[in-house]
């Protein structure tokens, strides 16, 4: 007789070998308690040295309601929503709200700057199109409402989070912003000789640096660049901004140009900076950049120069190796008399030899160069995080229906000798999406100081509540405890409104507030008189608005 196994418990499905590994010193066992001193991960992790989110919650059930649902005793405040005025200049909060990063003012967990990404625009900003053709006004709106917002926020005496519209820091970063290029592509032929470029858009996720700036990732940039007739090679980079300094705007070409999801920055034992990155598309690769020089905390923001010189690597999961994505390596591969195009590369050998003559060419056409260097295509590598507890690397492989990976999985990489600069690694499937776990299509990740993993999901709006996705209902936020009685179970913490996904989970340092974006509610709307969602349900509002919420109600221990 088959046992009735709890469908949210996934670890028992991973096999005795992995279960043993999870209990060993390199696995889940060391995630209990406080963060290890070995780890200096920079992104999403302001809170890991402070209190522990404890007491947990009564998990909610999946829902298809047009609401943001939370467990009992939790509440949320809408901090900013699409088209809200953010400053005295009248600038407006963008659309496609995604990544969040909170920067305390004066060390406060109740007053600070929030950097938010704006990934793309939809019908609620642009209106309907004529057979898919955009007017010049719609193109300008697309450019304006994408990019980033920096807003000043605070929690008032009643515990309500609000935006300060008189802030001297609040501003938009978008098509009007001028960026300096850094690294090997700067001034090169691949970027038409440019040393500065105009604007940023398609900003998906990101990361925080060790020197307290934001890295924001240009992901699906092609459509907007082509629509606005802009040089396509000027986009698809990792940008850097300083929330407290509006003049500081850079695009770091040494990190490669592709459909960036996010960055995860860590500090290696020898003092070099390492940045992990995923390329969010089907059959795309995982990358890491290792700086040439070492981090010096005394230099502050000047450490950004570390992102200009170093080596970019691509992962091959079959061999367990990081392979250099360099002009020397590409020329070596193409110089082989027995060269055969790897999967995903269609150009002829002669065309490739003409295309790749400098490192600037390699980083500009990084997706192709990564495959030439031996990178292994994977299933949409989205958010990547470095565990602050044991230096293992967590990667959301969201899904890939081209190869039957319908519900995705979370991969966990173990660098050799626990060294972030290592060129060899091993890995495991930490969690698999599906009926047995209760979630599908993992996207963004964050840790709390218990070592527990917070995971948001990204089932496409066209698939939600249909077919094999029916049981998951709307996209949600899940917590996977790595210790205690619920260890290994995916507990649902939130359910999003209709046709939305939740993105950019980020805790304040005291872990009393979790910032979360509600992206594209009502995305499938085709008739503005009949929106499929009206979240956040503002009185008199007739459209859905993406936005950022501040969730509170956490009990600290």
Protein backbone atom coordinates (compact mmCIF):
# COMPACT_ATOMS: atom_id res chain seq x y z
CA UNK A 1 0.00 0.00 0.00
CA UNK A 2 1.31 3.48 -0.89
CA UNK A 3 1.80 5.93 1.91
CA UNK A 4 -0.03 9.24 1.75
CA UNK A 5 2.97 11.59 1.62
CA UNK A 6 2.54 15.32 2.27
CA UNK A 7 2.81 16.93 -1.15
CA UNK A 8 4.73 19.90 0.22
CA UNK A 9 7.59 17.76 1.48
CA UNK A 10 10.12 17.50 -1.31
CA UNK A 11 13.35 16.43 0.35
CA UNK A 12 12.21 12.81 0.62
CA UNK A 13 11.91 12.74 -3.17
CA UNK A 14 15.54 13.67 -3.69
CA UNK A 15 17.06 10.29 -2.90
CA UNK A 16 19.05 8.94 0.02
CA UNK A 17 22.34 10.27 -1.32
CA UNK A 18 21.12 13.85 -1.39
CA UNK A 19 19.29 13.44 1.92
CA UNK A 20 22.56 12.34 3.49
CA UNK A 21 24.33 15.27 1.91
CA UNK A 22 21.69 17.65 3.22
CA UNK A 23 22.41 16.46 6.74
CA UNK A 24 26.16 16.64 6.37
CA UNK A 25 28.39 19.54 7.25
CA UNK A 26 28.27 20.93 3.73
CA UNK A 27 24.47 20.79 3.55
CA UNK A 28 21.42 22.08 5.31
CA UNK A 29 22.71 21.20 8.75
CA UNK A 30 25.00 24.23 8.88
CA UNK A 31 22.24 26.63 7.95
CA UNK A 32 20.84 26.53 11.48
CA UNK A 33 21.65 29.50 13.70
CA UNK A 34 23.58 32.59 12.75
CA UNK A 35 25.49 33.36 9.57
CA UNK A 36 28.96 31.99 9.15
CA UNK A 37 31.90 34.36 9.34
CA UNK A 38 33.22 32.81 6.15
CA UNK A 39 30.61 34.49 4.02
CA UNK A 40 30.49 38.08 2.84
CA UNK A 41 27.59 37.92 0.43
CA UNK A 42 26.34 41.39 -0.41
CA UNK A 43 22.93 41.17 -1.98
CA UNK A 44 19.45 40.84 -0.48
CA UNK A 45 21.03 40.11 2.89
CA UNK A 46 21.07 43.25 5.03
CA UNK A 47 19.35 41.43 7.86
CA UNK A 48 21.26 38.19 8.27
CA UNK A 49 23.49 39.37 11.14
CA UNK A 50 20.61 40.68 13.23
CA UNK A 51 17.53 38.98 14.64
CA UNK A 52 15.89 35.80 13.47
CA UNK A 53 12.47 35.69 11.87
CA UNK A 54 10.79 33.24 14.22
CA UNK A 55 7.46 31.97 15.40
CA UNK A 56 6.63 31.39 11.77
CA UNK A 57 3.10 31.47 10.52
CA UNK A 58 0.10 29.41 9.59
CA UNK A 59 0.68 28.72 5.89
CA UNK A 60 -2.06 29.92 3.56
CA UNK A 61 -3.67 27.88 0.81
CA UNK A 62 -3.40 28.60 -2.93
CA UNK A 63 -5.90 31.17 -4.15
CA UNK A 64 -7.18 32.60 -7.43
CA UNK A 65 -8.67 35.72 -5.85
CA UNK A 66 -7.71 39.20 -7.00
CA UNK A 67 -6.03 39.91 -3.68
CA UNK A 68 -2.62 39.88 -2.06
CA UNK A 69 -3.24 37.31 0.66
CA UNK A 70 -1.00 36.88 3.73
CA UNK A 71 -1.09 34.64 6.81
CA UNK A 72 -3.04 35.60 9.90
CA UNK A 73 -1.52 38.51 11.88
CA UNK A 74 0.40 39.89 8.89
CA UNK A 75 -0.49 43.05 6.96
CA UNK A 76 0.84 45.05 4.05
CA UNK A 77 1.07 48.73 3.10
CA UNK A 78 1.27 49.82 -0.53
CA UNK A 79 4.40 51.98 -0.45
CA UNK A 80 4.33 53.01 -4.13
CA UNK A 81 2.33 51.99 -7.17
CA UNK A 82 2.52 52.62 -10.90
CA UNK A 83 2.21 56.32 -11.82
CA UNK A 84 2.41 57.62 -8.24
CA UNK A 85 4.27 60.93 -7.96
CA UNK A 86 7.56 60.26 -6.15
CA UNK A 87 9.14 63.72 -5.72
CA UNK A 88 8.58 67.46 -5.90
CA UNK A 89 9.64 67.47 -9.56
CA UNK A 90 6.54 65.41 -10.36
CA UNK A 91 8.37 62.31 -11.58
CA UNK A 92 6.25 59.17 -11.50
CA UNK A 93 6.83 55.64 -10.25
CA UNK A 94 7.44 53.31 -13.17
CA UNK A 95 5.73 50.14 -14.36
CA UNK A 96 6.74 46.48 -14.12
CA UNK A 97 7.88 46.86 -10.51
CA UNK A 98 10.53 44.21 -9.79
CA UNK A 99 13.71 44.13 -7.67
CA UNK A 100 13.87 45.98 -4.34
CA UNK A 101 16.85 47.06 -2.23
CA UNK A 102 16.46 48.98 1.03
CA UNK A 103 19.21 51.36 2.18
CA UNK A 104 18.89 52.57 5.78
CA UNK A 105 19.27 56.26 6.54
CA UNK A 106 21.24 56.72 9.73
CA UNK A 107 21.21 52.98 10.37
CA UNK A 108 17.42 52.96 10.70
CA UNK A 109 15.20 50.00 9.77
CA UNK A 110 12.18 52.31 9.59
CA UNK A 111 13.57 55.09 7.39
CA UNK A 112 15.60 54.71 4.22
CA UNK A 113 15.82 54.69 0.47
CA UNK A 114 14.20 51.97 -1.61
CA UNK A 115 15.62 51.26 -5.06
CA UNK A 116 13.09 49.56 -7.32
CA UNK A 117 13.44 48.18 -10.84
CA UNK A 118 10.86 48.67 -13.61
CA UNK A 119 11.00 45.81 -16.08
CA UNK A 120 8.42 46.55 -18.76
CA UNK A 121 5.23 48.38 -19.69
CA UNK A 122 1.76 47.09 -20.56
CA UNK A 123 -1.74 48.21 -21.52
CA UNK A 124 -2.32 50.13 -18.28
CA UNK A 125 0.48 52.55 -19.20
CA UNK A 126 0.28 52.48 -22.98
CA UNK A 127 -3.36 51.84 -23.80
CA UNK A 128 -4.29 49.60 -26.72
CA UNK A 129 -2.21 49.43 -29.90
CA UNK A 130 -3.29 49.43 -33.52
CA UNK A 131 -2.45 45.91 -34.72
CA UNK A 132 0.58 45.88 -32.45
CA UNK A 133 1.97 49.12 -33.88
CA UNK A 134 3.14 51.69 -31.34
CA UNK A 135 2.71 55.44 -31.70
CA UNK A 136 5.56 57.78 -30.86
CA UNK A 137 3.72 58.72 -27.67
CA UNK A 138 3.51 55.06 -26.66
CA UNK A 139 7.21 54.56 -27.38
CA UNK A 140 8.08 57.54 -25.18
CA UNK A 141 5.89 56.15 -22.39
CA UNK A 142 7.62 52.79 -22.73
CA UNK A 143 11.00 54.45 -22.31
CA UNK A 144 9.85 56.68 -19.45
CA UNK A 145 8.13 54.05 -17.30
CA UNK A 146 10.92 51.46 -17.51
CA UNK A 147 14.24 51.69 -15.68
CA UNK A 148 14.40 52.37 -11.93
CA UNK A 149 12.94 54.50 -9.16
CA UNK A 150 14.71 55.60 -5.99
CA UNK A 151 12.19 56.65 -3.34
CA UNK A 152 12.49 57.70 0.29
CA UNK A 153 10.23 55.75 2.66
CA UNK A 154 9.51 55.65 6.37
CA UNK A 155 7.31 53.89 8.91
CA UNK A 156 5.12 56.36 10.77
CA UNK A 157 4.03 56.32 14.40
CA UNK A 158 1.12 54.04 13.58
CA UNK A 159 3.39 51.47 11.96
CA UNK A 160 2.33 52.37 8.41
CA UNK A 161 4.97 52.58 5.67
CA UNK A 162 4.74 55.71 3.52
CA UNK A 163 6.63 57.50 0.75
CA UNK A 164 8.22 60.92 1.36
CA UNK A 165 7.52 62.95 -1.78
CA UNK A 166 9.68 65.84 -0.52
CA UNK A 167 12.78 63.65 -0.55
CA UNK A 168 15.98 65.16 -1.95
CA UNK A 169 17.02 61.66 -3.09
CA UNK A 170 13.85 60.51 -4.89
CA UNK A 171 14.30 60.27 -8.64
CA UNK A 172 13.81 58.20 -11.77
CA UNK A 173 16.57 56.47 -13.73
CA UNK A 174 15.35 55.79 -17.28
CA UNK A 175 15.90 56.71 -20.93
CA UNK A 176 16.93 60.24 -19.94
CA UNK A 177 19.85 59.01 -17.83
CA UNK A 178 23.37 59.00 -19.26
CA UNK A 179 25.65 56.11 -18.28
CA UNK A 180 29.41 55.68 -18.45
CA UNK A 181 30.58 52.42 -19.98
CA UNK A 182 33.40 50.64 -18.17
CA UNK A 183 35.46 47.59 -19.03
CA UNK A 184 36.57 45.94 -22.27
CA UNK A 185 33.68 46.99 -24.53
CA UNK A 186 34.04 50.70 -23.75
CA UNK A 187 34.87 52.62 -26.92
CA UNK A 188 35.00 49.43 -28.99
CA UNK A 189 33.54 48.66 -32.39
CA UNK A 190 30.90 46.34 -30.91
CA UNK A 191 29.27 49.34 -29.16
CA UNK A 192 29.90 51.69 -32.11
CA UNK A 193 32.78 53.39 -30.34
CA UNK A 194 30.64 54.62 -27.44
CA UNK A 195 32.13 55.54 -24.07
CA UNK A 196 28.78 56.77 -22.75
CA UNK A 197 25.30 55.48 -23.58
CA UNK A 198 21.83 56.88 -23.19
CA UNK A 199 19.30 55.27 -20.90
CA UNK A 200 18.38 51.98 -19.28
CA UNK A 201 15.30 49.79 -19.57
CA UNK A 202 14.06 46.23 -19.10
CA UNK A 203 15.46 46.34 -15.55
CA UNK A 204 14.62 43.02 -13.95
CA UNK A 205 16.35 41.95 -10.74
CA UNK A 206 19.66 43.08 -9.30
CA UNK A 207 21.91 43.03 -6.28
CA UNK A 208 23.68 45.12 -3.67
CA UNK A 209 27.44 45.63 -3.73
CA UNK A 210 29.87 45.34 -0.84
CA UNK A 211 30.31 49.13 -1.14
CA UNK A 212 26.58 49.85 -0.74
CA UNK A 213 25.48 50.60 -4.30
CA UNK A 214 22.91 48.84 -6.47
CA UNK A 215 23.55 46.61 -9.46
CA UNK A 216 20.50 46.51 -11.73
CA UNK A 217 20.13 44.08 -14.62
CA UNK A 218 18.90 44.86 -18.12
CA UNK A 219 17.07 41.70 -19.11
CA UNK A 220 14.68 41.54 -22.11
CA UNK A 221 15.99 44.71 -23.70
CA UNK A 222 15.71 43.77 -27.38
CA UNK A 223 12.08 44.71 -28.02
CA UNK A 224 12.32 48.17 -26.48
CA UNK A 225 15.67 48.93 -28.14
CA UNK A 226 14.34 47.96 -31.55
CA UNK A 227 11.04 49.77 -30.98
CA UNK A 228 12.84 53.01 -30.14
CA UNK A 229 15.49 52.47 -32.84
CA UNK A 230 18.32 52.55 -30.30
CA UNK A 231 21.70 50.76 -30.68
CA UNK A 232 20.94 47.31 -29.31
CA UNK A 233 24.49 46.70 -28.04
CA UNK A 234 24.13 49.63 -25.64
CA UNK A 235 21.72 47.52 -23.58
CA UNK A 236 21.73 44.12 -21.90
CA UNK A 237 24.39 45.11 -19.35
CA UNK A 238 24.63 45.26 -15.57
CA UNK A 239 24.26 48.86 -14.47
CA UNK A 240 25.40 50.40 -11.19
CA UNK A 241 23.78 53.32 -9.37
CA UNK A 242 24.29 54.94 -5.98
CA UNK A 243 20.90 55.58 -4.33
CA UNK A 244 22.37 58.56 -2.45
CA UNK A 245 24.15 60.11 -5.46
CA UNK A 246 22.16 60.76 -8.64
CA UNK A 247 25.30 61.55 -10.65
CA UNK A 248 26.74 58.03 -10.30
CA UNK A 249 25.64 55.91 -13.31
CA UNK A 250 27.70 53.10 -14.85
CA UNK A 251 27.33 50.07 -17.12
CA UNK A 252 29.93 47.39 -16.43
CA UNK A 253 30.75 45.58 -19.67
CA UNK A 254 33.24 43.14 -18.07
CA UNK A 255 30.22 41.34 -16.59
CA UNK A 256 28.98 40.42 -20.05
CA UNK A 257 25.94 41.34 -22.10
CA UNK A 258 22.98 38.97 -22.05
CA UNK A 259 19.45 38.71 -20.63
CA UNK A 260 20.59 39.38 -17.07
CA UNK A 261 18.27 38.36 -14.24
CA UNK A 262 20.27 39.44 -11.19
CA UNK A 263 23.69 39.58 -9.58
CA UNK A 264 24.96 37.92 -6.41
CA UNK A 265 28.17 39.44 -5.11
CA UNK A 266 30.47 37.68 -2.66
CA UNK A 267 33.94 38.14 -1.23
CA UNK A 268 36.39 35.29 -1.75
CA UNK A 269 38.83 34.17 0.93
CA UNK A 270 41.71 35.84 -0.93
CA UNK A 271 39.89 39.19 -1.01
CA UNK A 272 38.74 39.19 -4.62
CA UNK A 273 35.14 40.04 -5.52
CA UNK A 274 33.00 37.39 -7.23
CA UNK A 275 29.71 38.11 -9.02
CA UNK A 276 27.33 35.29 -10.00
CA UNK A 277 24.79 35.91 -12.78
CA UNK A 278 22.04 34.07 -14.62
CA UNK A 279 20.86 34.51 -18.22
CA UNK A 280 17.06 34.36 -18.10
CA UNK A 281 16.05 32.52 -21.22
CA UNK A 282 15.64 28.94 -22.34
CA UNK A 283 18.89 27.07 -22.98
CA UNK A 284 21.04 29.79 -21.45
CA UNK A 285 24.10 29.69 -19.23
CA UNK A 286 25.26 30.54 -15.71
CA UNK A 287 28.18 32.95 -15.33
CA UNK A 288 30.51 34.30 -12.68
CA UNK A 289 32.98 37.15 -12.77
CA UNK A 290 36.13 37.14 -10.62
CA UNK A 291 37.89 40.47 -10.13
CA UNK A 292 41.58 40.81 -10.87
CA UNK A 293 42.29 42.91 -7.78
CA UNK A 294 41.20 42.69 -4.14
CA UNK A 295 38.47 44.47 -2.22
CA UNK A 296 39.55 47.18 0.23
CA UNK A 297 36.74 48.37 2.52
CA UNK A 298 38.63 51.63 3.15
CA UNK A 299 38.18 52.62 -0.50
CA UNK A 300 34.39 52.64 -0.31
CA UNK A 301 32.69 53.21 -3.66
CA UNK A 302 36.05 53.30 -5.45
CA UNK A 303 35.94 49.50 -5.20
CA UNK A 304 33.59 49.63 -8.20
CA UNK A 305 36.75 49.63 -10.30
CA UNK A 306 37.04 45.94 -9.40
CA UNK A 307 34.15 45.30 -11.82
CA UNK A 308 36.20 46.67 -14.71
CA UNK A 309 39.05 44.15 -14.70
CA UNK A 310 38.80 40.42 -14.12
CA UNK A 311 37.79 37.16 -15.74
CA UNK A 312 34.31 36.13 -16.80
CA UNK A 313 33.53 32.41 -16.54
CA UNK A 314 30.68 30.22 -17.77
CA UNK A 315 29.50 27.06 -16.02
CA UNK A 316 29.44 23.57 -17.48
CA UNK A 317 27.35 21.45 -15.13
CA UNK A 318 28.30 18.18 -16.84
CA UNK A 319 32.02 18.63 -16.20
CA UNK A 320 31.60 20.66 -13.03
CA UNK A 321 33.93 23.36 -14.32
CA UNK A 322 33.97 27.12 -14.74
CA UNK A 323 35.37 27.93 -18.18
CA UNK A 324 36.92 31.30 -19.11
CA UNK A 325 34.93 33.42 -21.56
CA UNK A 326 37.89 35.26 -23.05
CA UNK A 327 39.08 36.21 -26.50
CA UNK A 328 42.03 33.83 -26.07
CA UNK A 329 39.69 30.92 -25.35
CA UNK A 330 37.30 31.78 -28.19
CA UNK A 331 40.19 32.05 -30.68
CA UNK A 332 41.58 28.76 -29.42
CA UNK A 333 38.26 27.01 -29.99
CA UNK A 334 37.77 28.53 -33.43
CA UNK A 335 41.36 27.69 -34.38
CA UNK A 336 40.73 23.98 -33.94
CA UNK A 337 40.62 22.24 -37.34
CA UNK A 338 37.89 19.96 -36.02
CA UNK A 339 35.68 22.82 -34.82
CA UNK A 340 31.96 22.00 -34.81
CA UNK A 341 29.34 24.55 -33.89
CA UNK A 342 28.00 23.91 -30.38
CA UNK A 343 24.23 23.85 -29.91
CA UNK A 344 22.84 27.36 -30.09
CA UNK A 345 25.56 28.73 -32.40
CA UNK A 346 24.56 28.98 -36.06
CA UNK A 347 27.17 31.30 -37.61
CA UNK A 348 29.90 29.83 -39.77
CA UNK A 349 33.49 29.53 -38.55
CA UNK A 350 34.61 32.31 -40.88
CA UNK A 351 31.84 34.59 -39.64
CA UNK A 352 32.80 33.90 -36.04
CA UNK A 353 36.49 34.58 -36.67
CA UNK A 354 35.58 37.99 -38.11
CA UNK A 355 33.18 38.73 -35.27
CA UNK A 356 35.52 37.98 -32.36
CA UNK A 357 38.76 39.96 -32.45
CA UNK A 358 38.80 41.61 -28.99
CA UNK A 359 37.55 40.96 -25.44
CA UNK A 360 35.07 43.76 -26.09
CA UNK A 361 33.51 41.61 -28.82
CA UNK A 362 33.38 38.62 -26.47
CA UNK A 363 31.53 40.41 -23.67
CA UNK A 364 29.17 42.17 -26.09
CA UNK A 365 28.11 38.91 -27.73
CA UNK A 366 28.47 36.96 -24.53
CA UNK A 367 25.64 34.44 -25.03
CA UNK A 368 27.27 33.08 -28.17
CA UNK A 369 30.80 33.41 -26.81
CA UNK A 370 29.80 31.53 -23.65
CA UNK A 371 28.60 28.60 -25.73
CA UNK A 372 31.78 28.66 -27.81
CA UNK A 373 33.81 28.56 -24.59
CA UNK A 374 32.00 25.40 -23.50
CA UNK A 375 29.14 26.71 -21.38
CA UNK A 376 26.24 24.35 -20.80
CA UNK A 377 22.73 25.56 -21.72
CA UNK A 378 20.33 25.30 -18.77
CA UNK A 379 16.65 25.86 -17.98
CA UNK A 380 16.22 29.63 -17.58
CA UNK A 381 18.67 30.46 -14.79
CA UNK A 382 17.00 33.36 -13.00
CA UNK A 383 17.78 34.56 -9.48
CA UNK A 384 21.10 33.47 -7.96
CA UNK A 385 22.00 33.95 -4.29
CA UNK A 386 25.05 33.12 -2.20
CA UNK A 387 24.04 31.58 1.11
CA UNK A 388 25.49 33.69 3.95
CA UNK A 389 25.61 30.53 6.05
CA UNK A 390 27.81 28.18 4.05
CA UNK A 391 28.86 29.89 0.79
CA UNK A 392 26.82 27.52 -1.39
CA UNK A 393 25.21 29.06 -4.47
CA UNK A 394 21.44 28.78 -5.01
CA UNK A 395 20.06 29.15 -8.55
CA UNK A 396 16.43 29.29 -9.62
CA UNK A 397 16.06 27.34 -12.85
CA UNK A 398 12.55 28.59 -13.49
CA UNK A 399 11.46 26.11 -16.18
CA UNK A 400 12.05 25.04 -19.77
CA UNK A 401 9.10 23.44 -21.52
CA UNK A 402 11.26 22.78 -24.57
CA UNK A 403 12.89 19.98 -22.57
CA UNK A 404 10.00 18.91 -20.35
CA UNK A 405 11.09 20.86 -17.28
CA UNK A 406 7.63 22.27 -16.70
CA UNK A 407 7.84 23.31 -13.05
CA UNK A 408 11.52 24.21 -12.67
CA UNK A 409 13.88 23.58 -9.77
CA UNK A 410 16.39 25.22 -7.44
CA UNK A 411 19.99 24.17 -8.06
CA UNK A 412 22.61 24.37 -5.32
CA UNK A 413 26.29 24.66 -6.30
CA UNK A 414 29.14 23.63 -4.00
CA UNK A 415 32.37 25.35 -5.02
CA UNK A 416 35.52 23.23 -4.57
CA UNK A 417 37.09 23.78 -1.14
CA UNK A 418 34.30 26.27 -0.43
CA UNK A 419 36.23 28.83 -2.49
CA UNK A 420 34.15 31.28 -4.55
CA UNK A 421 37.05 31.67 -7.00
CA UNK A 422 37.30 27.90 -7.59
CA UNK A 423 37.18 26.63 -11.16
CA UNK A 424 35.56 23.30 -10.17
CA UNK A 425 32.26 22.63 -8.44
CA UNK A 426 29.61 20.05 -7.67
CA UNK A 427 25.88 20.57 -7.44
CA UNK A 428 22.55 19.15 -6.32
CA UNK A 429 18.88 19.76 -7.02
CA UNK A 430 17.94 21.44 -3.75
CA UNK A 431 14.21 21.64 -4.51
CA UNK A 432 12.02 20.59 -7.43
CA UNK A 433 8.84 22.40 -8.39
CA UNK A 434 5.71 20.34 -8.91
CA UNK A 435 2.77 18.74 -7.15
CA UNK A 436 5.01 17.22 -4.51
CA UNK A 437 6.36 20.59 -3.37
CA UNK A 438 3.29 22.75 -3.89
CA UNK A 439 5.03 25.40 -6.00
CA UNK A 440 5.98 25.82 -9.66
CA UNK A 441 8.49 27.97 -11.55
CA UNK A 442 10.76 29.43 -8.82
CA UNK A 443 12.09 32.89 -9.67
CA UNK A 444 13.58 35.20 -6.97
CA UNK A 445 15.25 34.09 -3.73
CA UNK A 446 16.14 35.62 -0.38
CA UNK A 447 17.40 34.31 2.96
CA UNK A 448 16.32 35.26 6.46
CA UNK A 449 18.69 34.92 9.39
CA UNK A 450 17.29 31.52 10.33
CA UNK A 451 18.85 30.30 7.09
CA UNK A 452 15.39 29.79 5.61
CA UNK A 453 14.86 30.35 1.91
CA UNK A 454 12.11 32.68 0.64
CA UNK A 455 11.04 31.86 -2.92
CA UNK A 456 8.65 33.64 -5.27
CA UNK A 457 7.16 31.90 -8.30
CA UNK A 458 6.75 32.93 -11.93
CA UNK A 459 4.11 30.82 -13.69
CA UNK A 460 3.34 32.77 -16.88
CA UNK A 461 0.03 34.62 -16.87
CA UNK A 462 -1.16 32.64 -19.88
CA UNK A 463 -0.67 29.37 -17.94
CA UNK A 464 -2.01 30.33 -14.50
CA UNK A 465 -4.94 28.24 -13.30
CA UNK A 466 -4.84 26.04 -16.40
CA UNK A 467 -3.87 22.45 -17.12
CA UNK A 468 -0.99 21.12 -15.01
CA UNK A 469 -0.72 24.54 -13.30
CA UNK A 470 -4.31 24.51 -11.98
CA UNK A 471 -3.52 23.33 -8.45
CA UNK A 472 -0.97 26.12 -7.84
CA UNK A 473 -3.53 28.84 -8.63
CA UNK A 474 -2.04 32.37 -8.56
CA UNK A 475 1.69 32.94 -8.17
CA UNK A 476 2.92 33.00 -4.60
CA UNK A 477 5.69 33.51 -2.07
CA UNK A 478 6.94 30.40 -0.26
CA UNK A 479 9.28 29.81 2.66
CA UNK A 480 11.44 26.67 2.84
CA UNK A 481 12.70 26.24 6.43
CA UNK A 482 16.12 24.61 6.66
CA UNK A 483 15.76 23.66 10.32
CA UNK A 484 13.05 22.92 12.87
CA UNK A 485 9.85 20.88 12.56
CA UNK A 486 8.99 22.25 9.09
CA UNK A 487 12.46 21.64 7.61
CA UNK A 488 12.26 20.92 3.90
CA UNK A 489 8.62 21.93 3.47
CA UNK A 490 7.52 24.69 1.12
CA UNK A 491 5.14 26.79 3.21
CA UNK A 492 3.05 29.31 1.29
CA UNK A 493 3.33 32.79 2.83
CA UNK A 494 1.57 34.90 0.19
CA UNK A 495 -0.69 34.60 -2.83
CA UNK A 496 -0.67 37.33 -5.46
CA UNK A 497 -3.54 39.05 -7.28
CA UNK A 498 -4.87 37.81 -10.62
CA UNK A 499 -2.22 37.39 -13.36
CA UNK A 500 0.55 38.86 -11.20
CA UNK A 501 3.88 37.58 -9.97
CA UNK A 502 5.63 38.71 -6.83
CA UNK A 503 9.23 39.79 -7.17
CA UNK A 504 12.15 41.34 -5.32
CA UNK A 505 11.76 40.11 -1.72
CA UNK A 506 14.03 42.17 0.54
CA UNK A 507 14.14 42.44 4.35
CA UNK A 508 14.97 45.51 6.43
CA UNK A 509 18.01 45.00 8.70
CA UNK A 510 15.84 44.25 11.73
CA UNK A 511 13.74 41.80 9.68
CA UNK A 512 10.51 43.42 10.86
CA UNK A 513 9.56 44.42 7.31
CA UNK A 514 9.67 42.52 4.03
CA UNK A 515 9.45 44.55 0.84
CA UNK A 516 7.82 42.76 -2.07
CA UNK A 517 6.81 43.86 -5.56
CA UNK A 518 3.47 42.91 -7.08
CA UNK A 519 4.23 42.84 -10.79
CA UNK A 520 1.79 43.01 -13.72
CA UNK A 521 -1.59 42.31 -12.04
CA UNK A 522 -4.20 41.96 -14.78
CA UNK A 523 -1.51 41.32 -17.39
CA UNK A 524 -3.88 39.56 -19.81
CA UNK A 525 -6.21 42.57 -20.05
CA UNK A 526 -7.00 43.45 -23.66
CA UNK A 527 -9.95 45.79 -23.09
CA UNK A 528 -9.39 48.63 -20.62
CA UNK A 529 -13.10 48.71 -19.86
CA UNK A 530 -12.82 45.11 -18.64
CA UNK A 531 -9.58 44.77 -16.65
CA UNK A 532 -8.90 41.27 -15.33
CA UNK A 533 -7.53 42.75 -12.10
CA UNK A 534 -8.05 45.99 -10.18
CA UNK A 535 -5.35 45.48 -7.55
CA UNK A 536 -4.53 47.44 -5.35
CA UNK A 537 -8.23 48.35 -5.43
CA UNK A 538 -7.86 52.06 -4.81
CA UNK A 539 -11.23 53.82 -4.49
CA UNK A 540 -12.44 54.94 -7.91
CA UNK A 541 -9.52 53.35 -9.76
CA UNK A 542 -10.37 51.55 -12.98
CA UNK A 543 -7.00 49.97 -13.78
CA UNK A 544 -4.58 47.56 -12.12
CA UNK A 545 -1.32 49.00 -10.81
CA UNK A 546 1.89 47.15 -10.09
CA UNK A 547 3.70 48.35 -7.01
CA UNK A 548 5.78 47.71 -3.90
CA UNK A 549 4.30 46.62 -0.58
CA UNK A 550 5.82 46.59 2.90
CA UNK A 551 4.78 43.47 4.82
CA UNK A 552 4.86 43.54 8.61
CA UNK A 553 3.82 41.27 11.46
CA UNK A 554 7.03 39.31 11.96
CA UNK A 555 7.84 38.15 15.48
CA UNK A 556 11.51 38.40 16.27
CA UNK A 557 13.55 36.23 18.59
